[in-house]
Protein backbone atom coordinates (compact mmCIF):
# COMPACT_ATOMS: atom_id res chain seq x y z
CA UNK A 1 64.78 133.87 66.80
CA UNK A 2 67.52 135.62 66.09
CA UNK A 3 69.06 138.23 68.32
CA UNK A 4 69.81 140.77 66.68
CA UNK A 5 72.34 142.18 68.69
CA UNK A 6 73.95 139.09 70.49
CA UNK A 7 76.82 142.06 72.63
CA UNK A 8 73.95 144.69 73.61
CA UNK A 9 72.34 140.80 75.38
CA UNK A 10 75.50 139.69 76.76
CA UNK A 11 76.31 143.31 78.09
CA UNK A 12 73.02 143.99 79.73
CA UNK A 13 73.55 140.36 81.61
CA UNK A 14 76.07 141.71 83.88
CA UNK A 15 74.24 144.44 84.55
CA UNK A 16 70.52 142.68 85.39
CA UNK A 17 72.76 140.50 87.64
CA UNK A 18 74.72 143.47 89.78
CA UNK A 19 71.38 144.73 90.04
CA UNK A 20 70.03 141.88 91.72
CA UNK A 21 72.33 141.04 94.00
CA UNK A 22 72.45 145.10 94.82
CA UNK A 23 68.27 144.58 95.20
CA UNK A 24 68.69 142.00 97.20
CA UNK A 25 71.63 143.49 99.61
CA UNK A 26 69.64 146.71 100.25
CA UNK A 27 66.10 144.58 100.50
CA UNK A 28 67.80 142.38 103.75
CA UNK A 29 69.57 145.69 105.01
CA UNK A 30 65.52 146.44 105.36
CA UNK A 31 64.67 143.41 107.00
CA UNK A 32 67.68 142.53 108.80
CA UNK A 33 69.14 143.79 112.07
CA UNK A 34 72.43 144.63 111.67
CA UNK A 35 74.39 142.02 113.60
CA UNK A 36 72.44 142.06 116.45
CA UNK A 37 73.69 139.61 119.20
CA UNK A 38 72.71 138.44 122.73
CA UNK A 39 75.10 139.43 125.71
CA UNK A 40 73.61 137.99 128.47
CA UNK A 41 69.42 138.06 128.08
CA UNK A 42 68.75 140.95 130.53
CA UNK A 43 71.04 142.63 130.78
CA UNK A 44 73.35 143.73 127.72
CA UNK A 45 73.11 143.23 123.75
CA UNK A 46 75.15 144.44 121.16
CA UNK A 47 74.83 145.15 116.92
CA UNK A 48 76.31 147.33 114.33
CA UNK A 49 74.12 150.99 113.79
CA UNK A 50 70.80 149.52 113.22
CA UNK A 51 67.98 151.65 111.09
CA UNK A 52 65.41 153.24 112.32
CA UNK A 53 62.76 151.12 112.62
CA UNK A 54 65.26 148.31 113.82
CA UNK A 55 66.40 150.41 116.65
CA UNK A 56 62.51 151.39 118.04
CA UNK A 57 61.99 147.51 117.71
CA UNK A 58 65.71 146.49 119.78
CA UNK A 59 64.37 148.94 122.73
CA UNK A 60 60.90 148.17 122.52
CA UNK A 61 61.63 144.35 122.36
CA UNK A 62 64.45 144.14 124.87
CA UNK A 63 63.07 147.05 127.40
CA UNK A 64 66.29 148.88 126.21
CA UNK A 65 67.42 151.36 129.18
CA UNK A 66 70.41 152.77 127.57
CA UNK A 67 72.08 153.16 124.21
CA UNK A 68 75.95 153.08 123.94
CA UNK A 69 76.98 154.62 120.55
CA UNK A 70 81.12 153.68 119.89
CA UNK A 71 81.49 155.92 117.19
CA UNK A 72 84.63 156.65 114.55
CA UNK A 73 83.07 159.70 114.18
CA UNK A 74 82.65 163.04 115.75
CA UNK A 75 78.80 163.70 114.35
CA UNK A 76 76.07 163.30 111.81
CA UNK A 77 72.85 163.72 111.49
CA UNK A 78 72.20 159.52 111.47
CA UNK A 79 74.06 160.00 115.07
CA UNK A 80 71.36 162.81 115.94
CA UNK A 81 68.35 161.52 114.53
CA UNK A 82 69.75 157.93 116.83
CA UNK A 83 70.44 160.41 120.15
CA UNK A 84 66.96 162.38 119.78
CA UNK A 85 65.00 158.79 119.72
CA UNK A 86 66.44 157.22 122.04
CA UNK A 87 66.17 160.45 125.01
CA UNK A 88 63.40 161.38 123.92
CA UNK A 89 62.15 158.10 124.92
CA UNK A 90 63.53 158.77 128.23
CA UNK A 91 65.61 156.55 127.65
CA UNK A 92 70.06 156.88 128.67
CA UNK A 93 71.99 157.97 125.25
CA UNK A 94 76.01 157.06 125.25
CA UNK A 95 78.24 158.69 122.97
CA UNK A 96 81.67 157.62 123.26
CA UNK A 97 84.48 158.39 120.22
CA UNK A 98 86.36 155.59 119.72
CA UNK A 99 89.12 154.15 116.76
CA UNK A 100 87.78 152.13 113.86
CA UNK A 101 89.70 149.61 114.29
CA UNK A 102 88.67 149.25 117.95
CA UNK A 103 92.45 150.00 119.47
CA UNK A 104 91.91 152.23 122.47
CA UNK A 105 93.95 152.92 125.27
CA UNK A 106 93.22 150.42 128.71
CA UNK A 107 91.53 152.72 131.22
CA UNK A 108 88.66 152.88 127.74
CA UNK A 109 88.66 149.19 127.30
CA UNK A 110 87.45 149.34 131.57
CA UNK A 111 85.55 152.34 131.62
CA UNK A 112 82.96 150.15 128.94
CA UNK A 113 83.31 147.52 131.29
CA UNK A 114 82.19 148.95 134.03
CA UNK A 115 78.76 150.64 132.19
CA UNK A 116 78.30 146.83 130.04
CA UNK A 117 78.10 145.77 134.02
CA UNK A 118 76.56 148.81 135.78
CA UNK A 119 72.40 146.85 136.46
CA UNK A 120 71.89 150.90 137.01
CA UNK A 121 71.97 150.80 132.84
CA UNK A 122 70.64 147.00 132.09
CA UNK A 123 69.20 145.90 129.47
CA UNK A 124 71.72 147.75 127.55
CA UNK A 125 72.46 148.00 123.53
CA UNK A 126 76.05 148.15 122.72
CA UNK A 127 76.17 149.26 118.80
CA UNK A 128 79.28 150.52 116.65
CA UNK A 129 78.97 150.76 112.29
CA UNK A 130 78.76 147.06 111.74
CA UNK A 131 78.92 145.74 114.88
CA UNK A 132 82.47 144.07 114.89
CA UNK A 133 85.51 145.69 115.78
CA UNK A 134 84.19 148.27 118.71
CA UNK A 135 81.12 146.64 119.44
CA UNK A 136 83.74 143.39 119.55
CA UNK A 137 86.42 144.83 121.89
CA UNK A 138 84.09 146.49 123.74
CA UNK A 139 82.36 143.38 124.75
CA UNK A 140 85.20 141.59 125.25
CA UNK A 141 86.41 143.63 127.88
CA UNK A 142 83.57 143.21 129.75
CA UNK A 143 83.84 139.13 129.49
CA UNK A 144 87.46 139.45 130.45
CA UNK A 145 87.16 142.03 133.57
CA UNK A 146 83.71 141.44 134.40
CA UNK A 147 82.54 137.76 133.65
CA UNK A 148 85.72 135.99 134.36
CA UNK A 149 86.66 134.96 130.78
CA UNK A 150 89.53 133.61 129.45
CA UNK A 151 90.83 135.89 126.03
CA UNK A 152 90.86 133.57 123.97
CA UNK A 153 86.76 132.39 124.71
CA UNK A 154 86.49 136.32 124.35
CA UNK A 155 88.01 136.36 120.81
CA UNK A 156 86.40 133.33 119.43
CA UNK A 157 82.97 135.40 120.33
CA UNK A 158 84.49 138.87 118.51
CA UNK A 159 84.86 136.00 115.33
CA UNK A 160 81.43 134.98 115.90
CA UNK A 161 80.51 138.56 115.38
CA UNK A 162 82.44 139.40 112.07
CA UNK A 163 86.39 140.36 113.55
CA UNK A 164 89.29 138.72 111.90
CA UNK A 165 91.72 137.38 113.92
CA UNK A 166 94.98 138.39 113.40
CA UNK A 167 93.82 141.87 111.29
CA UNK A 168 95.34 143.99 114.03
CA UNK A 169 97.83 142.92 115.42
CA UNK A 170 97.19 145.96 118.28
CA UNK A 171 94.74 144.62 118.84
CA UNK A 172 95.49 141.70 119.74
CA UNK A 173 97.81 143.03 122.18
CA UNK A 174 95.85 145.49 124.29
CA UNK A 175 93.21 142.15 124.72
CA UNK A 176 96.27 140.20 125.95
CA UNK A 177 97.28 143.28 128.14
CA UNK A 178 93.85 144.07 129.37
CA UNK A 179 93.65 140.16 130.99
CA UNK A 180 96.76 140.57 132.49
CA UNK A 181 95.44 143.39 133.89
CA UNK A 182 92.45 141.53 135.04
CA UNK A 183 92.86 141.12 139.35
CA UNK A 184 93.52 137.99 139.85
CA UNK A 185 89.82 135.82 140.57
CA UNK A 186 89.73 135.34 144.80
CA UNK A 187 91.07 132.12 146.61
CA UNK A 188 87.73 130.05 147.18
CA UNK A 189 87.06 129.76 151.03
CA UNK A 190 86.49 126.09 152.43
CA UNK A 191 84.06 125.74 155.55
């Protein structure tokens, strides 16, 4: 069998492969929760922006009482729908503007650590769009200020969720400053 138009065939193959790759990506996004992770079981969870069915499943599966959305934009339809879903279930919804690269003033980092550590909010889901920078630095703030983690351990956790070390020197400095601002651990008492 002879192919009449081989150039057409060679042009169609890349388009077919591109379409297949797009289809796989779309199928994955419909099946997989966006960068979801357990920070502390029963207390704190993190993710990127979840599709509505995924958010409903997370709320039900983990008994979430508070959703914290670290948004890089003021408002959009998807955010209003998310807020309506969460508050419609009688849950707390907290949305704060947060720079996309995760760099915010130290007071904001302390604020988010307080939100995540407050038992009245547990179980809490914290998310941004991708679950990397804003959610990463928020969880790192909690880990450093409330759980007493060293900076390096908090950074390693950020990297597991997609943070790329060295991409933002300002974010790196902010995390270091946060650790230096932590009050010293109390001396152990001797019997």
